[in-house]
């Protein structure tokens, strides 16, 4: 049974709406915008019926806050109002309302409007799941393509995705970079991390699979995988703009070898001039590279890899992210043990 949250400071209106709807839906009642927000932190109703004229926090402020949070942004909201003027309707739609129901309530009309928007919301959720499935398929196929070309990256893609998620969530938990980090950003970043080395498809096998250290000239060519990856992803973005994560993937591919002190590549970006996505990816990428065996060196231990990352604080890596890494490094170790 679909769950509807009723929000109105007038008890009579709440009880009336409840009596009209309770045979058709699960109903929850709140008497203020503040109570509604608190309710939605613990529960996710399928639809919200929201009064506009309420003391302290009116319906417009309530919906603004609902739409600003990823957890509640997609819940359809229908405004309840006794004065549905064009100005109020226009303002309501701008804030993200999907419809208006006028008071006094007419049962048949009320049920019909609610049913329509529940169906539309269900179809939207279904389409989003289809898109996500296609997105995951694209990422998986490209990741496999990268790993088939580079025989030293087996499992690297999956591990670095998990490292990125651990770092990002801990950063958000600590309140770091609040203007960027939120649930939606982290989900996109984790998807994007799988494509950070996609540019290696444009690097010669003679370099990519060389059984030994690269010469300076060969290393310069290897460095081009960052810009190649960005170009590949840029073409994909132009053809498939619906996949928003590709923009972040391009950012990651281009910037994950930049260094905090400006000595990285391809552009020598410095400090916060490096996108946050690239600064997070850098630590995940380097840690995994260090603990993996190479033809020219043995794999380092977890402790050795952590020591090198800590020594790069403020030079190679963002110091804030390094501090978080120090707190979650054991989670990195467990991920590496599970996926090798």
Protein backbone atom coordinates (compact mmCIF):
# COMPACT_ATOMS: atom_id res chain seq x y z
CA UNK A 1 0.00 0.00 0.00
CA UNK A 2 1.34 3.42 -0.97
CA UNK A 3 2.32 5.72 1.88
CA UNK A 4 1.10 9.35 1.96
CA UNK A 5 2.25 12.02 4.40
CA UNK A 6 -0.33 14.73 5.24
CA UNK A 7 1.05 18.07 6.50
CA UNK A 8 -1.37 20.71 7.80
CA UNK A 9 -1.50 22.82 10.97
CA UNK A 10 -5.31 22.55 11.00
CA UNK A 11 -6.34 19.35 12.82
CA UNK A 12 -9.79 19.36 11.20
CA UNK A 13 -8.25 19.38 7.72
CA UNK A 14 -5.87 16.56 8.67
CA UNK A 15 -8.66 14.39 10.01
CA UNK A 16 -10.89 15.08 7.00
CA UNK A 17 -8.14 14.23 4.50
CA UNK A 18 -7.28 11.12 6.48
CA UNK A 19 -10.90 9.92 6.44
CA UNK A 20 -11.05 10.36 2.65
CA UNK A 21 -7.80 8.54 1.93
CA UNK A 22 -7.26 5.92 4.64
CA UNK A 23 -9.16 3.16 2.80
CA UNK A 24 -6.80 3.54 -0.17
CA UNK A 25 -3.39 4.44 1.29
CA UNK A 26 -1.27 4.21 4.38
CA UNK A 27 -1.57 7.66 6.00
CA UNK A 28 0.82 9.54 8.30
CA UNK A 29 -0.03 12.94 9.84
CA UNK A 30 2.19 15.88 10.82
CA UNK A 31 1.10 19.34 11.99
CA UNK A 32 4.01 21.47 10.73
CA UNK A 33 6.74 21.73 8.15
CA UNK A 34 9.33 21.08 10.83
CA UNK A 35 7.59 17.85 11.88
CA UNK A 36 7.32 16.79 8.23
CA UNK A 37 11.07 17.24 7.68
CA UNK A 38 11.84 15.26 10.83
CA UNK A 39 9.44 12.50 9.72
CA UNK A 40 11.12 12.26 6.29
CA UNK A 41 14.54 11.82 7.88
CA UNK A 42 13.35 8.43 9.19
CA UNK A 43 10.68 7.45 6.64
CA UNK A 44 10.20 7.85 2.90
CA UNK A 45 6.55 8.42 1.96
CA UNK A 46 5.54 7.86 -1.65
CA UNK A 47 3.79 11.25 -1.83
CA UNK A 48 3.34 14.33 0.37
CA UNK A 49 0.19 16.45 0.66
CA UNK A 50 1.46 19.79 1.98
CA UNK A 51 -0.51 22.79 3.23
CA UNK A 52 0.85 26.17 2.13
CA UNK A 53 -0.36 28.49 4.91
CA UNK A 54 1.31 27.27 8.11
CA UNK A 55 2.95 29.23 10.97
CA UNK A 56 6.75 29.25 11.54
CA UNK A 57 7.54 27.34 8.34
CA UNK A 58 5.11 27.63 5.44
CA UNK A 59 4.65 25.13 2.63
CA UNK A 60 7.05 26.91 0.28
CA UNK A 61 9.94 26.77 2.76
CA UNK A 62 9.10 23.15 3.60
CA UNK A 63 9.18 22.02 -0.03
CA UNK A 64 12.37 24.02 -0.62
CA UNK A 65 14.08 22.04 2.13
CA UNK A 66 12.64 18.75 0.91
CA UNK A 67 13.92 19.36 -2.61
CA UNK A 68 17.38 20.38 -1.35
CA UNK A 69 17.99 16.95 0.22
CA UNK A 70 18.82 14.03 -2.12
CA UNK A 71 16.90 11.61 0.12
CA UNK A 72 13.61 13.51 -0.28
CA UNK A 73 14.10 15.49 -3.49
CA UNK A 74 12.21 13.02 -5.69
CA UNK A 75 9.16 12.58 -3.46
CA UNK A 76 6.20 14.16 -5.32
CA UNK A 77 4.58 17.01 -3.39
CA UNK A 78 1.00 18.21 -3.92
CA UNK A 79 0.07 21.50 -2.28
CA UNK A 80 -3.14 21.88 -0.32
CA UNK A 81 -4.61 25.37 -0.52
CA UNK A 82 -7.85 27.29 -0.10
CA UNK A 83 -6.67 30.09 -2.43
CA UNK A 84 -5.16 28.66 -5.60
CA UNK A 85 -4.33 31.91 -7.40
CA UNK A 86 -2.17 31.93 -10.53
CA UNK A 87 0.62 33.59 -8.57
CA UNK A 88 0.57 30.92 -5.86
CA UNK A 89 0.39 28.11 -8.41
CA UNK A 90 3.30 29.57 -10.37
CA UNK A 91 5.38 29.90 -7.22
CA UNK A 92 4.48 26.37 -6.14
CA UNK A 93 5.53 24.83 -9.44
CA UNK A 94 8.80 26.76 -9.33
CA UNK A 95 9.54 25.19 -5.94
CA UNK A 96 8.89 21.72 -7.36
CA UNK A 97 5.25 20.92 -6.54
CA UNK A 98 3.57 18.55 -9.01
CA UNK A 99 -0.04 19.67 -8.45
CA UNK A 100 -2.53 21.57 -6.26
CA UNK A 101 -5.61 20.30 -4.42
CA UNK A 102 -8.02 22.97 -3.27
CA UNK A 103 -10.00 23.07 -0.03
CA UNK A 104 -12.65 21.98 0.75
CA UNK A 105 -11.59 18.55 -0.50
CA UNK A 106 -13.60 16.69 -3.13
CA UNK A 107 -12.93 12.98 -2.60
CA UNK A 108 -13.09 11.75 -6.22
CA UNK A 109 -10.92 14.57 -7.55
CA UNK A 110 -8.45 14.18 -4.69
CA UNK A 111 -8.09 10.43 -5.22
CA UNK A 112 -7.73 10.87 -8.99
CA UNK A 113 -4.95 13.47 -8.70
CA UNK A 114 -3.06 11.45 -6.12
CA UNK A 115 -3.31 8.27 -8.20
CA UNK A 116 -2.01 10.02 -11.33
CA UNK A 117 1.08 11.35 -9.56
CA UNK A 118 1.81 8.08 -7.80
CA UNK A 119 1.73 6.34 -11.19
CA UNK A 120 3.97 8.98 -12.76
CA UNK A 121 6.42 8.72 -9.87
CA UNK A 122 6.48 4.93 -10.17
CA UNK A 123 7.19 5.13 -13.90
CA UNK A 124 9.96 7.66 -13.31
CA UNK A 125 11.57 5.42 -10.70
CA UNK A 126 11.37 2.47 -13.10
CA UNK A 127 13.01 4.45 -15.91
CA UNK A 128 15.76 5.61 -13.55
CA UNK A 129 16.48 1.99 -12.67
CA UNK A 130 16.68 1.12 -16.38
CA UNK A 131 19.09 4.00 -16.96
CA UNK A 132 21.19 2.93 -13.98
CA UNK A 133 21.33 -0.63 -15.32
CA UNK A 134 22.54 0.65 -18.70
CA UNK A 135 25.03 2.90 -16.93
CA UNK A 136 26.41 -0.01 -14.91
CA UNK A 137 26.68 -2.09 -18.08
CA UNK A 138 28.63 0.64 -19.87
CA UNK A 139 31.01 1.04 -16.95
CA UNK A 140 31.52 -2.71 -16.60
CA UNK A 141 32.28 -3.16 -20.30
CA UNK A 142 34.76 -0.30 -20.41
CA UNK A 143 36.43 -1.47 -17.20
CA UNK A 144 36.88 -4.93 -18.67
CA UNK A 145 38.29 -3.39 -21.83
CA UNK A 146 40.88 -1.46 -19.80
CA UNK A 147 41.87 -4.50 -17.75
CA UNK A 148 42.19 -6.69 -20.86
CA UNK A 149 44.70 -4.24 -22.30
CA UNK A 150 46.74 -3.77 -19.14
CA UNK A 151 47.67 -7.11 -17.59
CA UNK A 152 48.79 -5.39 -14.37
CA UNK A 153 45.44 -3.84 -13.46
CA UNK A 154 43.39 -6.95 -12.67
CA UNK A 155 41.01 -5.99 -9.89
CA UNK A 156 42.39 -2.45 -9.77
CA UNK A 157 39.16 -0.89 -11.04
CA UNK A 158 36.92 -2.60 -8.47
CA UNK A 159 39.26 -1.88 -5.58
CA UNK A 160 39.73 1.79 -6.40
CA UNK A 161 35.95 2.26 -6.66
CA UNK A 162 35.61 0.94 -3.13
CA UNK A 163 38.50 3.06 -1.83
CA UNK A 164 36.90 6.15 -3.36
CA UNK A 165 33.58 5.41 -1.69
CA UNK A 166 35.22 4.89 1.73
CA UNK A 167 37.16 8.17 1.47
CA UNK A 168 34.19 10.17 0.15
CA UNK A 169 31.76 9.00 2.79
CA UNK A 170 34.18 9.65 5.61
CA UNK A 171 34.90 13.13 4.24
CA UNK A 172 31.16 13.88 4.10
CA UNK A 173 30.68 12.46 7.60
CA UNK A 174 33.31 14.89 8.88
CA UNK A 175 31.70 17.83 7.09
CA UNK A 176 34.60 18.34 4.68
CA UNK A 177 33.86 20.12 1.39
CA UNK A 178 30.11 20.46 2.14
CA UNK A 179 29.57 22.60 -0.95
CA UNK A 180 30.44 19.56 -3.10
CA UNK A 181 30.02 16.34 -1.15
CA UNK A 182 26.52 14.89 -0.90
CA UNK A 183 24.95 11.49 -1.52
CA UNK A 184 24.29 12.10 -5.22
CA UNK A 185 27.86 13.32 -5.83
CA UNK A 186 29.35 10.28 -4.09
CA UNK A 187 27.23 7.87 -6.12
CA UNK A 188 28.36 9.52 -9.35
CA UNK A 189 31.98 9.65 -8.22
CA UNK A 190 32.05 5.93 -7.39
CA UNK A 191 30.70 5.16 -10.87
CA UNK A 192 33.18 7.56 -12.43
CA UNK A 193 36.16 6.04 -10.61
CA UNK A 194 35.86 2.90 -12.74
CA UNK A 195 36.75 4.95 -15.82
CA UNK A 196 39.76 6.83 -14.45
CA UNK A 197 42.22 4.93 -16.67
CA UNK A 198 40.03 4.66 -19.77
CA UNK A 199 42.64 6.68 -21.67
CA UNK A 200 44.98 3.68 -21.58
CA UNK A 201 43.06 2.29 -24.56
CA UNK A 202 44.96 4.87 -26.61
CA UNK A 203 48.43 3.92 -25.34
CA UNK A 204 50.63 1.59 -27.39
CA UNK A 205 50.96 -2.00 -26.17
CA UNK A 206 54.73 -1.61 -26.44
CA UNK A 207 54.53 0.93 -23.61
CA UNK A 208 51.52 -0.36 -21.70
CA UNK A 209 52.84 -3.92 -21.52
CA UNK A 210 56.57 -3.21 -21.38
CA UNK A 211 58.27 -5.69 -18.97
CA UNK A 212 60.34 -3.08 -17.17
CA UNK A 213 60.63 0.59 -16.32
CA UNK A 214 59.66 3.14 -18.94
CA UNK A 215 62.16 5.53 -20.48
CA UNK A 216 61.53 9.24 -20.04
CA UNK A 217 60.11 9.42 -23.56
CA UNK A 218 57.86 6.42 -22.96
CA UNK A 219 56.66 7.87 -19.66
CA UNK A 220 55.71 11.11 -21.43
CA UNK A 221 53.58 9.06 -23.79
CA UNK A 222 52.05 7.13 -20.89
CA UNK A 223 51.08 10.41 -19.23
CA UNK A 224 48.88 11.14 -22.22
CA UNK A 225 46.33 8.59 -20.99
CA UNK A 226 44.82 11.40 -18.91
CA UNK A 227 44.05 13.66 -21.86
CA UNK A 228 43.14 10.73 -24.11
CA UNK A 229 40.65 9.57 -21.50
CA UNK A 230 39.15 13.04 -21.26
CA UNK A 231 38.72 13.21 -25.04
CA UNK A 232 37.09 9.77 -25.18
CA UNK A 233 34.66 10.68 -22.42
CA UNK A 234 33.95 14.07 -23.96
CA UNK A 235 32.79 12.34 -27.15
CA UNK A 236 30.59 10.04 -25.09
CA UNK A 237 29.10 13.02 -23.25
CA UNK A 238 28.13 14.71 -26.51
CA UNK A 239 26.39 11.56 -27.73
CA UNK A 240 24.82 10.48 -24.42
CA UNK A 241 24.18 13.64 -22.35
CA UNK A 242 21.65 11.77 -20.19
CA UNK A 243 24.48 10.03 -18.32
CA UNK A 244 25.48 12.82 -15.93
CA UNK A 245 28.24 10.76 -14.31
CA UNK A 246 30.28 10.93 -17.53
CA UNK A 247 31.08 14.60 -16.85
CA UNK A 248 32.56 13.65 -13.50
CA UNK A 249 34.32 10.67 -15.08
CA UNK A 250 36.00 13.05 -17.53
CA UNK A 251 37.12 15.21 -14.60
CA UNK A 252 38.56 12.19 -12.78
CA UNK A 253 40.35 10.82 -15.85
CA UNK A 254 41.97 14.18 -16.51
CA UNK A 255 42.98 15.14 -12.98
CA UNK A 256 43.83 12.01 -10.96
CA UNK A 257 47.57 12.41 -11.61
CA UNK A 258 47.71 16.08 -10.60
CA UNK A 259 49.60 16.77 -7.36
CA UNK A 260 48.66 19.13 -4.56
CA UNK A 261 51.94 21.07 -4.89
CA UNK A 262 51.47 21.60 -8.63
CA UNK A 263 54.08 19.10 -9.86
CA UNK A 264 51.62 16.60 -11.33
CA UNK A 265 50.25 16.17 -14.86
CA UNK A 266 48.82 16.88 -17.37
CA UNK A 267 48.36 20.58 -16.45
CA UNK A 268 50.29 21.08 -13.22
CA UNK A 269 47.18 22.11 -11.30
CA UNK A 270 47.75 23.05 -7.67
CA UNK A 271 45.87 22.77 -4.38
CA UNK A 272 42.13 23.22 -4.63
CA UNK A 273 42.57 24.06 -8.29
CA UNK A 274 42.56 20.29 -8.71
CA UNK A 275 38.97 19.01 -8.75
CA UNK A 276 37.96 17.24 -5.54
CA UNK A 277 37.18 14.13 -7.56
CA UNK A 278 40.77 13.97 -8.79
CA UNK A 279 42.20 14.58 -5.31
CA UNK A 280 40.19 11.70 -3.88
CA UNK A 281 40.99 9.41 -6.81
CA UNK A 282 44.70 10.15 -6.50
CA UNK A 283 44.99 8.52 -3.09
CA UNK A 284 42.88 5.52 -4.08
CA UNK A 285 44.91 5.03 -7.26
CA UNK A 286 48.34 5.38 -5.66
CA UNK A 287 47.55 3.13 -2.70
CA UNK A 288 46.41 0.34 -5.01
CA UNK A 289 49.38 0.76 -7.34
CA UNK A 290 51.79 0.48 -4.40
CA UNK A 291 50.34 -2.75 -3.03
CA UNK A 292 50.32 -4.39 -6.47
CA UNK A 293 53.33 -6.23 -7.85
CA UNK A 294 55.01 -4.81 -10.93
CA UNK A 295 57.53 -6.41 -13.27
CA UNK A 296 60.15 -3.95 -12.02
CA UNK A 297 59.36 -4.19 -8.27
CA UNK A 298 57.63 -6.32 -5.68
CA UNK A 299 54.32 -5.34 -4.14
CA UNK A 300 54.62 -3.15 -1.06
CA UNK A 301 52.98 -4.04 2.21
CA UNK A 302 49.92 -2.16 3.41
CA UNK A 303 52.08 -0.42 6.02
CA UNK A 304 54.65 0.69 3.46
CA UNK A 305 51.96 2.04 1.13
CA UNK A 306 50.32 3.96 3.98
CA UNK A 307 53.67 5.46 4.96
CA UNK A 308 54.26 6.77 1.44
CA UNK A 309 50.80 8.33 1.30
CA UNK A 310 51.26 9.97 4.69
CA UNK A 311 54.60 11.38 3.54
CA UNK A 312 52.83 12.90 0.53
CA UNK A 313 50.54 14.99 2.73
CA UNK A 314 50.43 18.53 1.36
CA UNK A 315 52.81 17.76 -1.49
CA UNK A 316 51.34 15.00 -3.61
CA UNK A 317 48.00 14.76 -1.83
CA UNK A 318 45.32 16.99 -0.32
CA UNK A 319 46.19 17.11 3.42
CA UNK A 320 42.55 16.93 4.51
CA UNK A 321 41.99 13.76 2.49
CA UNK A 322 45.23 12.26 3.80
CA UNK A 323 44.03 12.82 7.37
CA UNK A 324 40.82 10.97 6.53
CA UNK A 325 42.83 8.22 4.83
CA UNK A 326 44.81 7.72 8.01
CA UNK A 327 41.55 7.07 9.87
CA UNK A 328 40.14 4.61 7.30
CA UNK A 329 43.34 2.93 6.11
CA UNK A 330 42.37 -0.38 7.73
CA UNK A 331 39.23 -0.40 5.59
CA UNK A 332 41.49 -0.03 2.53
CA UNK A 333 43.51 -3.00 3.75
CA UNK A 334 40.40 -5.15 4.14
CA UNK A 335 39.16 -4.21 0.66
CA UNK A 336 42.53 -5.19 -0.81
CA UNK A 337 42.52 -8.53 1.01
CA UNK A 338 38.96 -9.33 -0.14
CA UNK A 339 39.44 -8.47 -3.81
CA UNK A 340 42.85 -9.95 -4.58
